[in-house]
Amino acid sequence: GTDRRWQGCFERAANDISTANTALNQAYSLVDSLDE
């Protein structure tokens, strides 16, 4: 039970990091497309 709890915390953190990475990559792409 202890194992599952901390593993669940790391899984949620990994999902949050993945979501943030996707958002940052989208933002980078949008900035790259800005007209100068």
Full PDB file with SEQRES, HELIX, SHEET, SSBOND, CRYST1, ORIGX, SCALE, CONECT and MASTER records, all heavy atoms in Angstrom:
SEQRES   1 A   36  GLY THR ASP ARG ARG TRP GLN GLY CYS PHE GLU ARG ALA          
SEQRES   2 A   36  ALA ASN ASP ILE SER THR ALA ASN THR ALA LEU ASN GLN          
SEQRES   3 A   36  ALA TYR SER LEU VAL ASP SER LEU ASP GLU                      
HELIX    1 AA1 THR A    2  ASP A   32  1                                  31    
CRYST1    1.000    1.000    1.000  90.00  90.00  90.00 P 1           1          
ORIGX1      1.000000  0.000000  0.000000        0.00000                         
ORIGX2      0.000000  1.000000  0.000000        0.00000                         
ORIGX3      0.000000  0.000000  1.000000        0.00000                         
SCALE1      1.000000  0.000000  0.000000        0.00000                         
SCALE2      0.000000  1.000000  0.000000        0.00000                         
SCALE3      0.000000  0.000000  1.000000        0.00000                         
ATOM      1  N   GLY A   1       0.820  -1.210   0.000  1.00  0.00           N  
ATOM      2  CA  GLY A   1       0.000   0.000   0.000  1.00  0.00           C  
ATOM      3  C   GLY A   1       0.850   1.254   0.000  1.00  0.00           C  
ATOM      4  O   GLY A   1       0.540   2.236  -0.668  1.00  0.00           O  
ATOM      5  N   THR A   2       1.937   1.204   0.748  1.00  0.00           N  
ATOM      6  CA  THR A   2       2.856   2.345   0.799  1.00  0.00           C  
ATOM      7  C   THR A   2       3.499   2.554  -0.566  1.00  0.00           C  
ATOM      8  O   THR A   2       3.599   3.676  -1.056  1.00  0.00           O  
ATOM      9  CB  THR A   2       3.951   2.106   1.864  1.00  0.00           C  
ATOM     10  OG1 THR A   2       3.331   1.860   3.116  1.00  0.00           O  
ATOM     11  CG2 THR A   2       4.881   3.289   1.965  1.00  0.00           C  
ATOM     12  N   ASP A   3       3.914   1.453  -1.176  1.00  0.00           N  
ATOM     13  CA  ASP A   3       4.506   1.511  -2.518  1.00  0.00           C  
ATOM     14  C   ASP A   3       3.568   2.176  -3.513  1.00  0.00           C  
ATOM     15  O   ASP A   3       3.976   3.047  -4.268  1.00  0.00           O  
ATOM     16  CB  ASP A   3       4.783   0.088  -3.017  1.00  0.00           C  
ATOM     17  CG  ASP A   3       6.241  -0.288  -2.939  1.00  0.00           C  
ATOM     18  OD1 ASP A   3       7.023   0.514  -2.423  1.00  0.00           O  
ATOM     19  OD2 ASP A   3       6.578  -1.387  -3.414  1.00  0.00           O  
ATOM     20  N   ARG A   4       2.329   1.739  -3.496  1.00  0.00           N  
ATOM     21  CA  ARG A   4       1.353   2.266  -4.464  1.00  0.00           C  
ATOM     22  C   ARG A   4       1.093   3.752  -4.270  1.00  0.00           C  
ATOM     23  O   ARG A   4       0.909   4.483  -5.223  1.00  0.00           O  
ATOM     24  CB  ARG A   4       0.045   1.479  -4.383  1.00  0.00           C  
ATOM     25  CG  ARG A   4       0.093   0.212  -5.243  1.00  0.00           C  
ATOM     26  CD  ARG A   4      -1.218  -0.508  -5.224  1.00  0.00           C  
ATOM     27  NE  ARG A   4      -1.002  -1.587  -4.249  1.00  0.00           N  
ATOM     28  CZ  ARG A   4      -1.866  -2.005  -3.376  1.00  0.00           C  
ATOM     29  NH1 ARG A   4      -3.055  -1.491  -3.307  1.00  0.00           N  
ATOM     30  NH2 ARG A   4      -1.574  -2.971  -2.542  1.00  0.00           N  
ATOM     31  N   ARG A   5       1.089   4.192  -3.020  1.00  0.00           N  
ATOM     32  CA  ARG A   5       0.823   5.616  -2.751  1.00  0.00           C  
ATOM     33  C   ARG A   5       1.913   6.503  -3.330  1.00  0.00           C  
ATOM     34  O   ARG A   5       1.641   7.475  -4.031  1.00  0.00           O  
ATOM     35  CB  ARG A   5       0.650   5.865  -1.256  1.00  0.00           C  
ATOM     36  CG  ARG A   5      -0.728   5.468  -0.746  1.00  0.00           C  
ATOM     37  CD  ARG A   5      -0.976   6.039   0.638  1.00  0.00           C  
ATOM     38  NE  ARG A   5       0.032   5.672   1.625  1.00  0.00           N  
ATOM     39  CZ  ARG A   5      -0.043   4.624   2.425  1.00  0.00           C  
ATOM     40  NH1 ARG A   5      -1.088   3.822   2.374  1.00  0.00           N  
ATOM     41  NH2 ARG A   5       0.908   4.372   3.287  1.00  0.00           N  
ATOM     42  N   TRP A   6       3.180   6.205  -3.028  1.00  0.00           N  
ATOM     43  CA  TRP A   6       4.232   7.086  -3.542  1.00  0.00           C  
ATOM     44  C   TRP A   6       4.409   6.910  -5.039  1.00  0.00           C  
ATOM     45  O   TRP A   6       4.741   7.867  -5.747  1.00  0.00           O  
ATOM     46  CB  TRP A   6       5.535   6.969  -2.769  1.00  0.00           C  
ATOM     47  CG  TRP A   6       6.298   5.676  -2.858  1.00  0.00           C  
ATOM     48  CD1 TRP A   6       6.284   4.660  -1.971  1.00  0.00           C  
ATOM     49  CD2 TRP A   6       7.209   5.287  -3.886  1.00  0.00           C  
ATOM     50  NE1 TRP A   6       7.110   3.650  -2.382  1.00  0.00           N  
ATOM     51  CE2 TRP A   6       7.703   4.014  -3.560  1.00  0.00           C  
ATOM     52  CE3 TRP A   6       7.654   5.883  -5.060  1.00  0.00           C  
ATOM     53  CZ2 TRP A   6       8.608   3.325  -4.351  1.00  0.00           C  
ATOM     54  CZ3 TRP A   6       8.560   5.194  -5.856  1.00  0.00           C  
ATOM     55  CH2 TRP A   6       9.030   3.933  -5.494  1.00  0.00           C  
ATOM     56  N   GLN A   7       4.167   5.708  -5.559  1.00  0.00           N  
ATOM     57  CA  GLN A   7       4.246   5.529  -7.014  1.00  0.00           C  
ATOM     58  C   GLN A   7       3.148   6.344  -7.713  1.00  0.00           C  
ATOM     59  O   GLN A   7       3.381   6.918  -8.770  1.00  0.00           O  
ATOM     60  CB  GLN A   7       4.140   4.056  -7.388  1.00  0.00           C  
ATOM     61  CG  GLN A   7       5.412   3.288  -7.086  1.00  0.00           C  
ATOM     62  CD  GLN A   7       5.257   1.798  -7.319  1.00  0.00           C  
ATOM     63  OE1 GLN A   7       4.152   1.277  -7.373  1.00  0.00           O  
ATOM     64  NE2 GLN A   7       6.384   1.105  -7.437  1.00  0.00           N  
ATOM     65  N   GLY A   8       1.969   6.402  -7.082  1.00  0.00           N  
ATOM     66  CA  GLY A   8       0.883   7.216  -7.631  1.00  0.00           C  
ATOM     67  C   GLY A   8       1.257   8.687  -7.662  1.00  0.00           C  
ATOM     68  O   GLY A   8       0.936   9.404  -8.620  1.00  0.00           O  
ATOM     69  N   CYS A   9       1.959   9.154  -6.631  1.00  0.00           N  
ATOM     70  CA  CYS A   9       2.421  10.547  -6.605  1.00  0.00           C  
ATOM     71  C   CYS A   9       3.370  10.823  -7.761  1.00  0.00           C  
ATOM     72  O   CYS A   9       3.261  11.851  -8.443  1.00  0.00           O  
ATOM     73  CB  CYS A   9       3.127  10.854  -5.285  1.00  0.00           C  
ATOM     74  SG  CYS A   9       2.031  10.918  -3.864  1.00  0.00           S  
ATOM     75  N   PHE A  10       4.291   9.912  -8.013  1.00  0.00           N  
ATOM     76  CA  PHE A  10       5.234  10.107  -9.115  1.00  0.00           C  
ATOM     77  C   PHE A  10       4.543  10.000 -10.473  1.00  0.00           C  
ATOM     78  O   PHE A  10       4.904  10.715 -11.411  1.00  0.00           O  
ATOM     79  CB  PHE A  10       6.404   9.127  -9.016  1.00  0.00           C  
ATOM     80  CG  PHE A  10       7.428   9.549  -8.005  1.00  0.00           C  
ATOM     81  CD1 PHE A  10       7.498   8.931  -6.776  1.00  0.00           C  
ATOM     82  CD2 PHE A  10       8.310  10.593  -8.280  1.00  0.00           C  
ATOM     83  CE1 PHE A  10       8.435   9.332  -5.829  1.00  0.00           C  
ATOM     84  CE2 PHE A  10       9.249  11.000  -7.349  1.00  0.00           C  
ATOM     85  CZ  PHE A  10       9.310  10.373  -6.125  1.00  0.00           C  
ATOM     86  N   GLU A  11       3.538   9.149 -10.593  1.00  0.00           N  
ATOM     87  CA  GLU A  11       2.793   9.050 -11.849  1.00  0.00           C  
ATOM     88  C   GLU A  11       2.047  10.353 -12.133  1.00  0.00           C  
ATOM     89  O   GLU A  11       2.038  10.840 -13.265  1.00  0.00           O  
ATOM     90  CB  GLU A  11       1.816   7.879 -11.806  1.00  0.00           C  
ATOM     91  CG  GLU A  11       2.478   6.537 -11.951  1.00  0.00           C  
ATOM     92  CD  GLU A  11       1.509   5.377 -11.777  1.00  0.00           C  
ATOM     93  OE1 GLU A  11       0.283   5.584 -11.927  1.00  0.00           O  
ATOM     94  OE2 GLU A  11       1.987   4.262 -11.501  1.00  0.00           O  
ATOM     95  N   ARG A  12       1.430  10.922 -11.091  1.00  0.00           N  
ATOM     96  CA  ARG A  12       0.735  12.205 -11.270  1.00  0.00           C  
ATOM     97  C   ARG A  12       1.727  13.309 -11.645  1.00  0.00           C  
ATOM     98  O   ARG A  12       1.457  14.132 -12.513  1.00  0.00           O  
ATOM     99  CB  ARG A  12      -0.045  12.575 -10.012  1.00  0.00           C  
ATOM    100  CG  ARG A  12      -1.326  11.758  -9.840  1.00  0.00           C  
ATOM    101  CD  ARG A  12      -2.204  12.279  -8.719  1.00  0.00           C  
ATOM    102  NE  ARG A  12      -1.570  12.282  -7.399  1.00  0.00           N  
ATOM    103  CZ  ARG A  12      -1.425  11.211  -6.617  1.00  0.00           C  
ATOM    104  NH1 ARG A  12      -1.882  10.038  -7.016  1.00  0.00           N  
ATOM    105  NH2 ARG A  12      -0.850  11.319  -5.439  1.00  0.00           N  
ATOM    106  N   ALA A  13       2.886  13.301 -10.983  1.00  0.00           N  
ATOM    107  CA  ALA A  13       3.913  14.304 -11.304  1.00  0.00           C  
ATOM    108  C   ALA A  13       4.383  14.140 -12.747  1.00  0.00           C  
ATOM    109  O   ALA A  13       4.541  15.132 -13.471  1.00  0.00           O  
ATOM    110  CB  ALA A  13       5.096  14.182 -10.343  1.00  0.00           C  
ATOM    111  N   ALA A  14       4.585  12.904 -13.187  1.00  0.00           N  
ATOM    112  CA  ALA A  14       5.010  12.650 -14.568  1.00  0.00           C  
ATOM    113  C   ALA A  14       3.947  13.134 -15.557  1.00  0.00           C  
ATOM    114  O   ALA A  14       4.277  13.729 -16.590  1.00  0.00           O  
ATOM    115  CB  ALA A  14       5.300  11.175 -14.775  1.00  0.00           C  
ATOM    116  N   ASN A  15       2.682  12.907 -15.234  1.00  0.00           N  
ATOM    117  CA  ASN A  15       1.600  13.385 -16.103  1.00  0.00           C  
ATOM    118  C   ASN A  15       1.565  14.914 -16.149  1.00  0.00           C  
ATOM    119  O   ASN A  15       1.376  15.510 -17.210  1.00  0.00           O  
ATOM    120  CB  ASN A  15       0.245  12.840 -15.641  1.00  0.00           C  
ATOM    121  CG  ASN A  15       0.075  11.380 -15.933  1.00  0.00           C  
ATOM    122  OD1 ASN A  15       0.715  10.828 -16.815  1.00  0.00           O  
ATOM    123  ND2 ASN A  15      -0.791  10.724 -15.182  1.00  0.00           N  
ATOM    124  N   ASP A  16       1.742  15.550 -14.989  1.00  0.00           N  
ATOM    125  CA  ASP A  16       1.764  17.015 -14.940  1.00  0.00           C  
ATOM    126  C   ASP A  16       2.938  17.574 -15.738  1.00  0.00           C  
ATOM    127  O   ASP A  16       2.795  18.568 -16.460  1.00  0.00           O  
ATOM    128  CB  ASP A  16       1.833  17.511 -13.492  1.00  0.00           C  
ATOM    129  CG  ASP A  16       0.550  17.256 -12.712  1.00  0.00           C  
ATOM    130  OD1 ASP A  16      -0.481  16.936 -13.336  1.00  0.00           O  
ATOM    131  OD2 ASP A  16       0.589  17.386 -11.468  1.00  0.00           O  
ATOM    132  N   ILE A  17       4.090  16.944 -15.622  1.00  0.00           N  
ATOM    133  CA  ILE A  17       5.272  17.382 -16.372  1.00  0.00           C  
ATOM    134  C   ILE A  17       5.028  17.225 -17.869  1.00  0.00           C  
ATOM    135  O   ILE A  17       5.354  18.113 -18.659  1.00  0.00           O  
ATOM    136  CB  ILE A  17       6.528  16.612 -15.914  1.00  0.00           C  
ATOM    137  CG1 ILE A  17       6.951  17.091 -14.516  1.00  0.00           C  
ATOM    138  CG2 ILE A  17       7.668  16.745 -16.923  1.00  0.00           C  
ATOM    139  CD1 ILE A  17       8.022  16.249 -13.864  1.00  0.00           C  
ATOM    140  N   SER A  18       4.430  16.120 -18.258  1.00  0.00           N  
ATOM    141  CA  SER A  18       4.123  15.892 -19.675  1.00  0.00           C  
ATOM    142  C   SER A  18       3.149  16.943 -20.207  1.00  0.00           C  
ATOM    143  O   SER A  18       3.330  17.476 -21.313  1.00  0.00           O  
ATOM    144  CB  SER A  18       3.538  14.485 -19.855  1.00  0.00           C  
ATOM    145  OG  SER A  18       3.186  14.278 -21.197  1.00  0.00           O  
ATOM    146  N   THR A  19       2.123  17.258 -19.420  1.00  0.00           N  
ATOM    147  CA  THR A  19       1.150  18.283 -19.815  1.00  0.00           C  
ATOM    148  C   THR A  19       1.825  19.647 -19.958  1.00  0.00           C  
ATOM    149  O   THR A  19       1.598  20.370 -20.934  1.00  0.00           O  
ATOM    150  CB  THR A  19       0.006  18.356 -18.785  1.00  0.00           C  
ATOM    151  OG1 THR A  19      -0.648  17.085 -18.733  1.00  0.00           O  
ATOM    152  CG2 THR A  19      -0.997  19.432 -19.141  1.00  0.00           C  
ATOM    153  N   ALA A  20       2.677  19.987 -18.999  1.00  0.00           N  
ATOM    154  CA  ALA A  20       3.396  21.262 -19.048  1.00  0.00           C  
ATOM    155  C   ALA A  20       4.331  21.310 -20.249  1.00  0.00           C  
ATOM    156  O   ALA A  20       4.425  22.333 -20.944  1.00  0.00           O  
ATOM    157  CB  ALA A  20       4.180  21.482 -17.758  1.00  0.00           C  
ATOM    158  N   ASN A  21       5.006  20.209 -20.528  1.00  0.00           N  
ATOM    159  CA  ASN A  21       5.921  20.150 -21.669  1.00  0.00           C  
ATOM    160  C   ASN A  21       5.164  20.344 -22.982  1.00  0.00           C  
ATOM    161  O   ASN A  21       5.616  21.083 -23.867  1.00  0.00           O  
ATOM    162  CB  ASN A  21       6.686  18.826 -21.673  1.00  0.00           C  
ATOM    163  CG  ASN A  21       7.799  18.826 -22.680  1.00  0.00           C  
ATOM    164  OD1 ASN A  21       8.580  19.762 -22.758  1.00  0.00           O  
ATOM    165  ND2 ASN A  21       7.880  17.764 -23.464  1.00  0.00           N  
ATOM    166  N   THR A  22       4.001  19.723 -23.099  1.00  0.00           N  
ATOM    167  CA  THR A  22       3.181  19.886 -24.295  1.00  0.00           C  
ATOM    168  C   THR A  22       2.766  21.340 -24.461  1.00  0.00           C  
ATOM    169  O   THR A  22       2.854  21.902 -25.564  1.00  0.00           O  
ATOM    170  CB  THR A  22       1.935  18.970 -24.220  1.00  0.00           C  
ATOM    171  OG1 THR A  22       2.371  17.607 -24.159  1.00  0.00           O  
ATOM    172  CG2 THR A  22       1.026  19.163 -25.415  1.00  0.00           C  
ATOM    173  N   ALA A  23       2.329  21.961 -23.383  1.00  0.00           N  
ATOM    174  CA  ALA A  23       1.904  23.361 -23.436  1.00  0.00           C  
ATOM    175  C   ALA A  23       3.073  24.281 -23.810  1.00  0.00           C  
ATOM    176  O   ALA A  23       2.912  25.200 -24.625  1.00  0.00           O  
ATOM    177  CB  ALA A  23       1.300  23.789 -22.101  1.00  0.00           C  
ATOM    178  N   LEU A  24       4.238  24.029 -23.241  1.00  0.00           N  
ATOM    179  CA  LEU A  24       5.409  24.848 -23.569  1.00  0.00           C  
ATOM    180  C   LEU A  24       5.821  24.680 -25.028  1.00  0.00           C  
ATOM    181  O   LEU A  24       6.180  25.653 -25.699  1.00  0.00           O  
ATOM    182  CB  LEU A  24       6.580  24.510 -22.647  1.00  0.00           C  
ATOM    183  CG  LEU A  24       6.476  25.041 -21.222  1.00  0.00           C  
ATOM    184  CD1 LEU A  24       7.541  24.411 -20.330  1.00  0.00           C  
ATOM    185  CD2 LEU A  24       6.603  26.557 -21.210  1.00  0.00           C  
ATOM    186  N   ASN A  25       5.760  23.462 -25.527  1.00  0.00           N  
ATOM    187  CA  ASN A  25       6.100  23.238 -26.932  1.00  0.00           C  
ATOM    188  C   ASN A  25       5.098  23.916 -27.858  1.00  0.00           C  
ATOM    189  O   ASN A  25       5.471  24.458 -28.902  1.00  0.00           O  
ATOM    190  CB  ASN A  25       6.209  21.742 -27.240  1.00  0.00           C  
ATOM    191  CG  ASN A  25       7.526  21.170 -26.768  1.00  0.00           C  
ATOM    192  OD1 ASN A  25       8.580  21.710 -27.056  1.00  0.00           O  
ATOM    193  ND2 ASN A  25       7.466  20.079 -26.029  1.00  0.00           N  
ATOM    194  N   GLN A  26       3.828  23.903 -27.485  1.00  0.00           N  
ATOM    195  CA  GLN A  26       2.819  24.608 -28.274  1.00  0.00           C  
ATOM    196  C   GLN A  26       3.081  26.108 -28.241  1.00  0.00           C  
ATOM    197  O   GLN A  26       2.978  26.793 -29.270  1.00  0.00           O  
ATOM    198  CB  GLN A  26       1.415  24.301 -27.754  1.00  0.00           C  
ATOM    199  CG  GLN A  26       0.931  22.908 -28.076  1.00  0.00           C  
ATOM    200  CD  GLN A  26      -0.393  22.581 -27.410  1.00  0.00           C  
ATOM    201  OE1 GLN A  26      -0.803  23.243 -26.452  1.00  0.00           O  
ATOM    202  NE2 GLN A  26      -1.058  21.555 -27.904  1.00  0.00           N  
ATOM    203  N   ALA A  27       3.411  26.628 -27.074  1.00  0.00           N  
ATOM    204  CA  ALA A  27       3.714  28.061 -26.947  1.00  0.00           C  
ATOM    205  C   ALA A  27       4.924  28.420 -27.799  1.00  0.00           C  
ATOM    206  O   ALA A  27       4.927  29.439 -28.496  1.00  0.00           O  
ATOM    207  CB  ALA A  27       3.967  28.427 -25.477  1.00  0.00           C  
ATOM    208  N   TYR A  28       5.942  27.574 -27.771  1.00  0.00           N  
ATOM    209  CA  TYR A  28       7.146  27.821 -28.574  1.00  0.00           C  
ATOM    210  C   TYR A  28       6.799  27.858 -30.063  1.00  0.00           C  
ATOM    211  O   TYR A  28       7.262  28.734 -30.805  1.00  0.00           O  
ATOM    212  CB  TYR A  28       8.196  26.745 -28.299  1.00  0.00           C  
ATOM    213  CG  TYR A  28       9.526  27.033 -28.938  1.00  0.00           C  
ATOM    214  CD1 TYR A  28      10.441  27.877 -28.328  1.00  0.00           C  
ATOM    215  CD2 TYR A  28       9.867  26.470 -30.167  1.00  0.00           C  
ATOM    216  CE1 TYR A  28      11.663  28.163 -28.911  1.00  0.00           C  
ATOM    217  CE2 TYR A  28      11.083  26.755 -30.757  1.00  0.00           C  
ATOM    218  CZ  TYR A  28      11.983  27.593 -30.124  1.00  0.00           C  
ATOM    219  OH  TYR A  28      13.183  27.874 -30.715  1.00  0.00           O  
ATOM    220  N   SER A  29       5.962  26.934 -30.485  1.00  0.00           N  
ATOM    221  CA  SER A  29       5.533  26.886 -31.883  1.00  0.00           C  
ATOM    222  C   SER A  29       4.759  28.147 -32.269  1.00  0.00           C  
ATOM    223  O   SER A  29       4.954  28.703 -33.355  1.00  0.00           O  
ATOM    224  CB  SER A  29       4.677  25.638 -32.116  1.00  0.00           C  
ATOM    225  OG  SER A  29       4.222  25.588 -33.438  1.00  0.00           O  
ATOM    226  N   LEU A  30       3.884  28.593 -31.381  1.00  0.00           N  
ATOM    227  CA  LEU A  30       3.115  29.811 -31.649  1.00  0.00           C  
ATOM    228  C   LEU A  30       4.017  31.038 -31.726  1.00  0.00           C  
ATOM    229  O   LEU A  30       3.849  31.892 -32.606  1.00  0.00           O  
ATOM    230  CB  LEU A  30       2.034  30.013 -30.589  1.00  0.00           C  
ATOM    231  CG  LEU A  30       0.874  29.017 -30.649  1.00  0.00           C  
ATOM    232  CD1 LEU A  30      -0.007  29.161 -29.410  1.00  0.00           C  
ATOM    233  CD2 LEU A  30       0.065  29.217 -31.914  1.00  0.00           C  
ATOM    234  N   VAL A  31       4.971  31.132 -30.816  1.00  0.00           N  
ATOM    235  CA  VAL A  31       5.902  32.257 -30.843  1.00  0.00           C  
ATOM    236  C   VAL A  31       6.719  32.228 -32.132  1.00  0.00           C  
ATOM    237  O   VAL A  31       6.942  33.254 -32.776  1.00  0.00           O  
ATOM    238  CB  VAL A  31       6.826  32.244 -29.601  1.00  0.00           C  
ATOM    239  CG1 VAL A  31       8.006  33.185 -29.769  1.00  0.00           C  
ATOM    240  CG2 VAL A  31       6.034  32.604 -28.354  1.00  0.00           C  
ATOM    241  N   ASP A  32       7.132  31.024 -32.523  1.00  0.00           N  
ATOM    242  CA  ASP A  32       7.920  30.879 -33.748  1.00  0.00           C  
ATOM    243  C   ASP A  32       7.150  31.363 -34.975  1.00  0.00           C  
ATOM    244  O   ASP A  32       7.744  31.847 -35.933  1.00  0.00           O  
ATOM    245  CB  ASP A  32       8.348  29.423 -33.919  1.00  0.00           C  
ATOM    246  CG  ASP A  32       9.389  29.247 -34.994  1.00  0.00           C  
ATOM    247  OD1 ASP A  32      10.363  30.032 -35.010  1.00  0.00           O  
ATOM    248  OD2 ASP A  32       9.232  28.340 -35.826  1.00  0.00           O  
ATOM    249  N   SER A  33       5.831  31.245 -34.925  1.00  0.00           N  
ATOM    250  CA  SER A  33       5.022  31.641 -36.077  1.00  0.00           C  
ATOM    251  C   SER A  33       4.635  33.123 -36.073  1.00  0.00           C  
ATOM    252  O   SER A  33       4.008  33.598 -37.018  1.00  0.00           O  
ATOM    253  CB  SER A  33       3.747  30.779 -36.146  1.00  0.00           C  
ATOM    254  OG  SER A  33       2.874  31.112 -35.089  1.00  0.00           O  
ATOM    255  N   LEU A  34       5.012  33.853 -35.017  1.00  0.00           N  
ATOM    256  CA  LEU A  34       4.678  35.273 -34.953  1.00  0.00           C  
ATOM    257  C   LEU A  34       5.342  36.041 -36.090  1.00  0.00           C  
ATOM    258  O   LEU A  34       6.509  35.812 -36.424  1.00  0.00           O  
ATOM    259  CB  LEU A  34       5.121  35.886 -33.624  1.00  0.00           C  
ATOM    260  CG  LEU A  34       4.338  35.468 -32.393  1.00  0.00           C  
ATOM    261  CD1 LEU A  34       4.993  36.049 -31.140  1.00  0.00           C  
ATOM    262  CD2 LEU A  34       2.898  35.905 -32.488  1.00  0.00           C  
ATOM    263  N   ASP A  35       4.599  36.967 -36.650  1.00  0.00           N  
ATOM    264  CA  ASP A  35       5.104  37.798 -37.730  1.00  0.00           C  
ATOM    265  C   ASP A  35       5.958  38.922 -37.146  1.00  0.00           C  
ATOM    266  O   ASP A  35       5.558  39.583 -36.195  1.00  0.00           O  
ATOM    267  CB  ASP A  35       3.929  38.384 -38.511  1.00  0.00           C  
ATOM    268  CG  ASP A  35       4.341  39.062 -39.799  1.00  0.00           C  
ATOM    269  OD1 ASP A  35       5.550  39.025 -40.136  1.00  0.00           O  
ATOM    270  OD2 ASP A  35       3.470  39.621 -40.468  1.00  0.00           O  
ATOM    271  N   GLU A  36       7.127  39.124 -37.712  1.00  0.00           N  
ATOM    272  CA  GLU A  36       8.040  40.161 -37.229  1.00  0.00           C  
ATOM    273  C   GLU A  36       7.944  41.436 -38.062  1.00  0.00           C  
ATOM    274  O   GLU A  36       8.686  42.383 -37.843  1.00  0.00           O  
ATOM    275  CB  GLU A  36       9.479  39.644 -37.273  1.00  0.00           C  
ATOM    276  CG  GLU A  36       9.719  38.444 -36.384  1.00  0.00           C  
ATOM    277  CD  GLU A  36      11.097  37.822 -36.608  1.00  0.00           C  
ATOM    278  OE1 GLU A  36      11.744  38.107 -37.619  1.00  0.00           O  
ATOM    279  OE2 GLU A  36      11.495  37.034 -35.750  1.00  0.00           O  
TER     280      GLU A  36                                                      
MASTER        0    0    0    1    0    0    0    6  279    1    0    3          
END                                                                             
